[in-house]
Amino acid sequence: MDDTNPITTTDDEQFVVGESSFGFFHNNPARCDSGAILFCQRGTARVTINLHTEAVREHTLMLLLPGAILMFSEVSDDFRITYCAFSRALFAEASFRLDPSFFHFLNENPIAERLDDGGKGADIWLQMAAYTYADRENIFRNTIVKNRLQNVFLEIYDKIQRNINRRQPGEVNNRRRELFLRFISLVHEHCYEQREVAYFADRLCITTRYLSTVVRTVSSRTPKEIIDRMVLLEIKVLLQSTDLSVSEIADRLRFPDQSYLGRYFKKHTGLSPTQYRNRRWDDSFVGVPQEP
């Protein structure tokens, strides 16, 4: 098992290509400073990217934008992923001329599922990225990768859009999908200080009842469930990856006090924040509700 984060970039190493079991992320939600394209070569798992949890198997394609929260669970022993990670700076250059709404869509739909072509396109792209990664004397190395990133973003958008159309043919009109995406964007931006559904409905200039209808239609979840999932993910990341005290986390996320945060967290996870922080994850642990 790999115990270090494989998708770490630096100012000198703007992109990284390789293969890993992503053991660092097994049952460990962590925020990714870099972005990455992930392609499952073999094995199975469940992946959580921000608020999205789905099964991963051979030829599943995933996209992480910088700042995403990633976790794998229920991981098989033979699970392996080929990846290309890219820095925030390289991502900014690659996305400069692309519509921001395009990346908003990708951020909310990060999993393409199994590719129709058996993954040939993804394999070829990653092989080309690996070739460029190894060619360290190439003076256009970063520029080449930047251009290839632009191409693969468009390819991933196409594959994800096709998958959504297959799963929801004609079920969700454009107006409702647009409202849902705006709601998700507001949740990402404000859920750490605002956790009431009414706040987000007011920002969207619609009633709470209509917001609930829209969110249920698009996602089969309630607005409150989505808000809570995002808040819980952030609490878990802070507990796992920082030395902040529970009181400091409560203050950062605008909870009234440490006790309130503790009750909120235990209600949803079955563990107190301290228990969660001290717990050593392994697949044999039982008696705790499934990760939200």
Protein backbone atom coordinates (compact mmCIF):
# COMPACT_ATOMS: atom_id res chain seq x y z
CA MET A 1 0.00 0.00 0.00
CA ASP A 2 1.21 3.51 -0.85
CA ASP A 3 1.28 5.65 2.30
CA THR A 4 2.26 8.97 0.71
CA ASN A 5 0.15 11.28 -1.42
CA PRO A 6 1.11 10.43 -5.04
CA ILE A 7 -0.50 13.52 -6.60
CA THR A 8 1.74 16.13 -4.99
CA THR A 9 3.28 18.78 -7.23
CA THR A 10 5.79 21.55 -6.54
CA ASP A 11 6.89 24.78 -8.20
CA ASP A 12 9.73 22.85 -9.85
CA GLU A 13 7.60 19.78 -10.65
CA GLN A 14 4.42 21.21 -12.20
CA PHE A 15 3.03 17.82 -13.18
CA VAL A 16 3.56 14.21 -12.07
CA VAL A 17 2.65 10.98 -13.88
CA GLY A 18 2.61 7.51 -12.34
CA GLU A 19 0.69 4.51 -11.03
CA SER A 20 -0.45 3.93 -7.45
CA SER A 21 -2.93 2.13 -5.20
CA PHE A 22 -3.71 5.56 -3.65
CA GLY A 23 -3.32 4.03 -0.20
CA PHE A 24 -2.89 7.52 1.27
CA PHE A 25 -6.58 8.13 0.51
CA HIS A 26 -7.97 4.77 1.70
CA ASN A 27 -10.73 5.70 4.18
CA ASN A 28 -8.90 8.99 4.66
CA PRO A 29 -10.65 12.06 3.19
CA ALA A 30 -7.97 14.56 2.23
CA ARG A 31 -7.96 17.81 0.28
CA CYS A 32 -5.87 17.78 -2.89
CA ASP A 33 -3.83 20.93 -3.53
CA SER A 34 -3.12 19.70 -7.05
CA GLY A 35 -5.57 18.62 -9.70
CA ALA A 36 -5.38 15.17 -11.28
CA ILE A 37 -6.73 12.86 -13.95
CA LEU A 38 -7.22 9.36 -12.54
CA PHE A 39 -7.79 6.20 -14.58
CA CYS A 40 -8.52 2.86 -12.89
CA GLN A 41 -6.39 0.15 -14.48
CA ARG A 42 -7.68 -2.75 -12.36
CA GLY A 43 -9.49 -3.62 -9.16
CA THR A 44 -12.52 -2.04 -7.54
CA ALA A 45 -13.29 0.60 -4.90
CA ARG A 46 -15.75 3.31 -3.95
CA VAL A 47 -14.53 6.83 -4.58
CA THR A 48 -15.73 9.99 -2.89
CA ILE A 49 -14.86 13.25 -4.65
CA ASN A 50 -16.34 16.17 -2.74
CA LEU A 51 -20.04 15.24 -2.46
CA HIS A 52 -19.99 12.47 -5.07
CA THR A 53 -19.62 8.79 -4.16
CA GLU A 54 -19.65 6.07 -6.81
CA ALA A 55 -18.21 2.66 -7.58
CA VAL A 56 -14.86 2.51 -9.36
CA ARG A 57 -13.79 -0.39 -11.52
CA GLU A 58 -11.51 -1.05 -14.47
CA HIS A 59 -11.55 1.78 -17.04
CA THR A 60 -13.26 4.31 -14.76
CA LEU A 61 -12.08 7.85 -15.45
CA MET A 62 -12.05 10.52 -12.72
CA LEU A 63 -11.14 14.19 -12.69
CA LEU A 64 -9.95 16.11 -9.63
CA LEU A 65 -9.85 19.87 -9.87
CA PRO A 66 -7.44 21.61 -7.44
CA GLY A 67 -8.93 21.80 -3.96
CA ALA A 68 -11.13 18.70 -4.30
CA ILE A 69 -11.58 16.32 -1.36
CA LEU A 70 -10.75 12.71 -2.27
CA MET A 71 -11.27 9.38 -0.48
CA PHE A 72 -11.34 5.71 -1.52
CA SER A 73 -13.17 3.02 0.47
CA GLU A 74 -14.01 -0.68 0.01
CA VAL A 75 -10.74 -1.03 -1.92
CA SER A 76 -9.80 -4.38 -3.47
CA ASP A 77 -6.26 -5.74 -3.04
CA ASP A 78 -5.45 -5.36 -6.74
CA PHE A 79 -6.67 -1.76 -7.02
CA ARG A 80 -4.35 0.36 -9.20
CA ILE A 81 -4.73 3.80 -10.74
CA THR A 82 -2.70 5.52 -13.44
CA TYR A 83 -2.65 9.27 -12.88
CA CYS A 84 -1.43 12.62 -14.12
CA ALA A 85 -1.37 15.33 -11.44
CA PHE A 86 -1.04 19.00 -12.30
CA SER A 87 -0.33 22.08 -10.19
CA ARG A 88 -2.78 24.93 -9.63
CA ALA A 89 -0.56 27.17 -11.76
CA LEU A 90 -0.52 24.71 -14.67
CA PHE A 91 -4.28 24.24 -14.35
CA ALA A 92 -4.78 28.03 -14.45
CA GLU A 93 -2.76 28.24 -17.67
CA ALA A 94 -4.55 25.29 -19.28
CA SER A 95 -8.01 26.62 -18.42
CA PHE A 96 -7.37 30.30 -19.21
CA ARG A 97 -9.48 30.45 -22.38
CA LEU A 98 -12.14 27.94 -21.34
CA ASP A 99 -15.57 28.94 -20.01
CA PRO A 100 -15.69 28.90 -16.16
CA SER A 101 -19.11 27.21 -16.31
CA PHE A 102 -17.40 24.34 -18.11
CA PHE A 103 -15.19 23.68 -15.07
CA HIS A 104 -18.09 24.20 -12.72
CA PHE A 105 -19.82 21.35 -14.56
CA LEU A 106 -16.73 19.14 -14.35
CA ASN A 107 -16.30 19.92 -10.66
CA GLU A 108 -19.87 18.79 -9.97
CA ASN A 109 -19.58 15.72 -12.22
CA PRO A 110 -16.08 14.34 -11.61
CA ILE A 111 -16.64 10.65 -12.41
CA ALA A 112 -17.06 9.44 -15.98
CA GLU A 113 -17.58 5.76 -15.07
CA ARG A 114 -16.41 3.01 -17.39
CA LEU A 115 -15.36 4.32 -20.79
CA ASP A 116 -17.12 2.96 -23.86
CA ASP A 117 -13.87 2.41 -25.77
CA GLY A 118 -12.39 0.24 -23.01
CA GLY A 119 -10.17 3.10 -21.92
CA LYS A 120 -8.01 3.17 -25.04
CA GLY A 121 -8.21 6.95 -25.33
CA ALA A 122 -7.32 7.51 -21.67
CA ASP A 123 -4.47 5.01 -21.86
CA ILE A 124 -3.02 6.71 -24.92
CA TRP A 125 -3.27 10.16 -23.33
CA LEU A 126 -1.60 9.00 -20.13
CA GLN A 127 1.16 7.23 -22.07
CA MET A 128 1.85 10.48 -23.91
CA ALA A 129 1.86 12.37 -20.59
CA ALA A 130 4.29 9.81 -19.15
CA TYR A 131 6.57 10.20 -22.16
CA THR A 132 6.64 13.98 -21.72
CA TYR A 133 7.12 13.61 -17.95
CA ALA A 134 10.20 11.46 -18.54
CA ASP A 135 11.63 13.85 -21.15
CA ARG A 136 13.08 16.31 -18.65
CA GLU A 137 15.38 18.01 -21.16
CA ASN A 138 12.47 19.13 -23.34
CA ILE A 139 12.36 22.94 -23.05
CA PHE A 140 8.64 22.94 -24.01
CA ARG A 141 7.73 20.25 -21.46
CA ASN A 142 5.20 22.26 -19.44
CA THR A 143 3.71 23.89 -22.53
CA ILE A 144 3.11 20.49 -24.13
CA VAL A 145 1.37 19.20 -21.01
CA LYS A 146 -0.70 22.39 -20.74
CA ASN A 147 -1.99 21.90 -24.29
CA ARG A 148 -2.74 18.25 -23.65
CA LEU A 149 -4.63 19.17 -20.50
CA GLN A 150 -6.89 21.47 -22.51
CA ASN A 151 -7.63 18.59 -24.88
CA VAL A 152 -8.33 16.05 -22.16
CA PHE A 153 -10.64 18.45 -20.27
CA LEU A 154 -12.84 18.59 -23.38
CA GLU A 155 -12.73 14.81 -23.76
CA ILE A 156 -13.69 14.25 -20.13
CA TYR A 157 -16.52 16.77 -20.39
CA ASP A 158 -17.89 14.87 -23.37
CA LYS A 159 -17.70 11.46 -21.63
CA ILE A 160 -19.31 12.72 -18.43
CA GLN A 161 -22.08 14.55 -20.31
CA ARG A 162 -22.87 11.42 -22.29
CA ASN A 163 -23.03 9.39 -19.08
CA ILE A 164 -25.43 11.89 -17.47
CA ASN A 165 -27.66 11.88 -20.55
CA ARG A 166 -27.84 8.09 -20.42
CA ARG A 167 -28.77 8.08 -16.74
CA GLN A 168 -31.24 10.98 -16.88
CA PRO A 169 -32.69 11.09 -20.40
CA GLY A 170 -35.19 13.93 -20.48
CA GLU A 171 -35.80 13.78 -16.73
CA VAL A 172 -34.28 17.11 -15.72
CA ASN A 173 -34.92 20.30 -17.63
CA ASN A 174 -32.21 22.89 -18.12
CA ARG A 175 -33.76 25.36 -15.67
CA ARG A 176 -33.71 22.84 -12.81
CA ARG A 177 -30.19 21.65 -13.59
CA GLU A 178 -28.97 25.26 -13.66
CA LEU A 179 -30.59 25.95 -10.28
CA PHE A 180 -29.07 22.78 -8.85
CA LEU A 181 -25.59 23.72 -10.01
CA ARG A 182 -25.98 27.22 -8.57
CA PHE A 183 -27.11 25.68 -5.28
CA ILE A 184 -24.06 23.38 -5.18
CA SER A 185 -21.78 26.33 -5.93
CA LEU A 186 -23.33 28.31 -3.06
CA VAL A 187 -22.96 25.33 -0.72
CA HIS A 188 -19.26 25.06 -1.54
CA GLU A 189 -18.80 28.76 -0.90
CA HIS A 190 -20.95 29.33 2.19
CA CYS A 191 -21.75 26.08 4.01
CA TYR A 192 -19.01 26.65 6.58
CA GLU A 193 -20.87 29.63 8.01
CA GLN A 194 -24.43 28.97 6.75
CA ARG A 195 -26.11 25.58 7.13
CA GLU A 196 -29.82 26.42 6.87
CA VAL A 197 -31.67 25.54 3.67
CA ALA A 198 -33.58 28.83 3.83
CA TYR A 199 -30.36 30.81 3.41
CA PHE A 200 -29.56 29.11 0.10
CA ALA A 201 -33.15 29.34 -1.14
CA ASP A 202 -33.10 33.08 -0.43
CA ARG A 203 -29.83 33.48 -2.33
CA LEU A 204 -31.44 31.72 -5.30
CA CYS A 205 -34.64 33.78 -4.97
CA ILE A 206 -36.83 30.68 -4.70
CA THR A 207 -38.80 29.03 -1.90
CA THR A 208 -37.34 26.27 0.27
CA ARG A 209 -40.03 23.93 -1.06
CA TYR A 210 -39.06 24.56 -4.67
CA LEU A 211 -35.35 24.19 -3.84
CA SER A 212 -36.10 20.83 -2.23
CA THR A 213 -38.03 19.74 -5.32
CA VAL A 214 -35.18 20.75 -7.64
CA VAL A 215 -32.45 19.11 -5.56
CA ARG A 216 -34.41 15.88 -5.11
CA THR A 217 -35.17 15.69 -8.83
CA VAL A 218 -31.55 16.12 -9.87
CA SER A 219 -29.72 14.30 -7.07
CA SER A 220 -32.26 12.19 -5.12
CA ARG A 221 -31.06 13.97 -1.96
CA THR A 222 -32.47 16.78 0.12
CA PRO A 223 -30.73 20.18 0.26
CA LYS A 224 -29.98 19.62 3.96
CA GLU A 225 -28.31 16.27 3.21
CA ILE A 226 -26.02 17.92 0.67
CA ILE A 227 -25.15 20.78 3.04
CA ASP A 228 -24.38 18.36 5.88
CA ARG A 229 -22.25 16.13 3.65
CA MET A 230 -20.08 19.07 2.60
CA VAL A 231 -19.68 20.29 6.19
CA LEU A 232 -18.82 16.79 7.43
CA LEU A 233 -16.22 16.37 4.70
CA GLU A 234 -14.53 19.59 5.77
CA ILE A 235 -14.58 18.58 9.45
CA LYS A 236 -13.01 15.23 8.57
CA VAL A 237 -10.30 16.85 6.49
CA LEU A 238 -9.44 19.26 9.32
CA LEU A 239 -9.40 16.44 11.88
CA GLN A 240 -7.21 14.21 9.71
CA SER A 241 -4.81 16.67 8.15
CA THR A 242 -4.34 19.48 10.71
CA ASP A 243 -3.46 19.86 14.37
CA LEU A 244 -6.35 22.23 15.01
CA SER A 245 -8.21 21.47 18.22
CA VAL A 246 -11.89 20.56 18.06
CA SER A 247 -12.63 23.96 19.58
CA GLU A 248 -10.62 25.71 16.86
CA ILE A 249 -12.41 23.71 14.16
CA ALA A 250 -15.76 24.64 15.69
CA ASP A 251 -14.74 28.29 15.59
CA ARG A 252 -13.47 28.10 12.01
CA LEU A 253 -16.72 26.49 10.80
CA ARG A 254 -18.92 28.88 12.80
CA PHE A 255 -20.41 26.30 15.19
CA PRO A 256 -21.68 27.84 18.47
CA ASP A 257 -19.13 25.84 20.46
CA GLN A 258 -17.11 22.62 20.62
CA SER A 259 -19.96 20.64 22.23
CA TYR A 260 -22.39 21.57 19.44
CA LEU A 261 -19.91 20.46 16.77
CA GLY A 262 -19.33 17.21 18.68
CA ARG A 263 -23.05 16.41 18.81
CA TYR A 264 -23.48 17.31 15.13
CA PHE A 265 -20.53 15.14 14.07
CA LYS A 266 -21.52 12.13 16.17
CA LYS A 267 -25.12 12.27 14.96
CA HIS A 268 -23.93 11.81 11.38
CA THR A 269 -20.92 9.51 11.81
CA GLY A 270 -21.41 7.60 15.07
CA LEU A 271 -18.07 8.89 16.37
CA SER A 272 -17.01 11.92 18.35
CA PRO A 273 -14.48 14.20 16.61
CA THR A 274 -11.75 12.96 18.97
CA GLN A 275 -12.60 9.33 18.29
CA TYR A 276 -12.53 10.00 14.56
CA ARG A 277 -9.15 11.73 14.79
CA ASN A 278 -7.60 8.93 16.88
CA ARG A 279 -9.15 6.08 14.96
CA ARG A 280 -6.83 4.01 12.78
CA TRP A 281 -8.86 3.18 9.72
CA ASP A 282 -8.92 -0.40 8.48
CA ASP A 283 -11.48 -2.39 6.55
CA SER A 284 -12.22 -4.68 9.49
CA PHE A 285 -13.56 -1.88 11.71
CA VAL A 286 -17.27 -2.46 12.36
CA GLY A 287 -20.07 -0.78 14.25
CA VAL A 288 -19.78 2.66 12.68
CA PRO A 289 -22.30 3.98 10.13
CA GLN A 290 -21.15 4.13 6.51
CA GLU A 291 -19.27 7.26 5.50
CA PRO A 292 -21.65 10.01 4.41
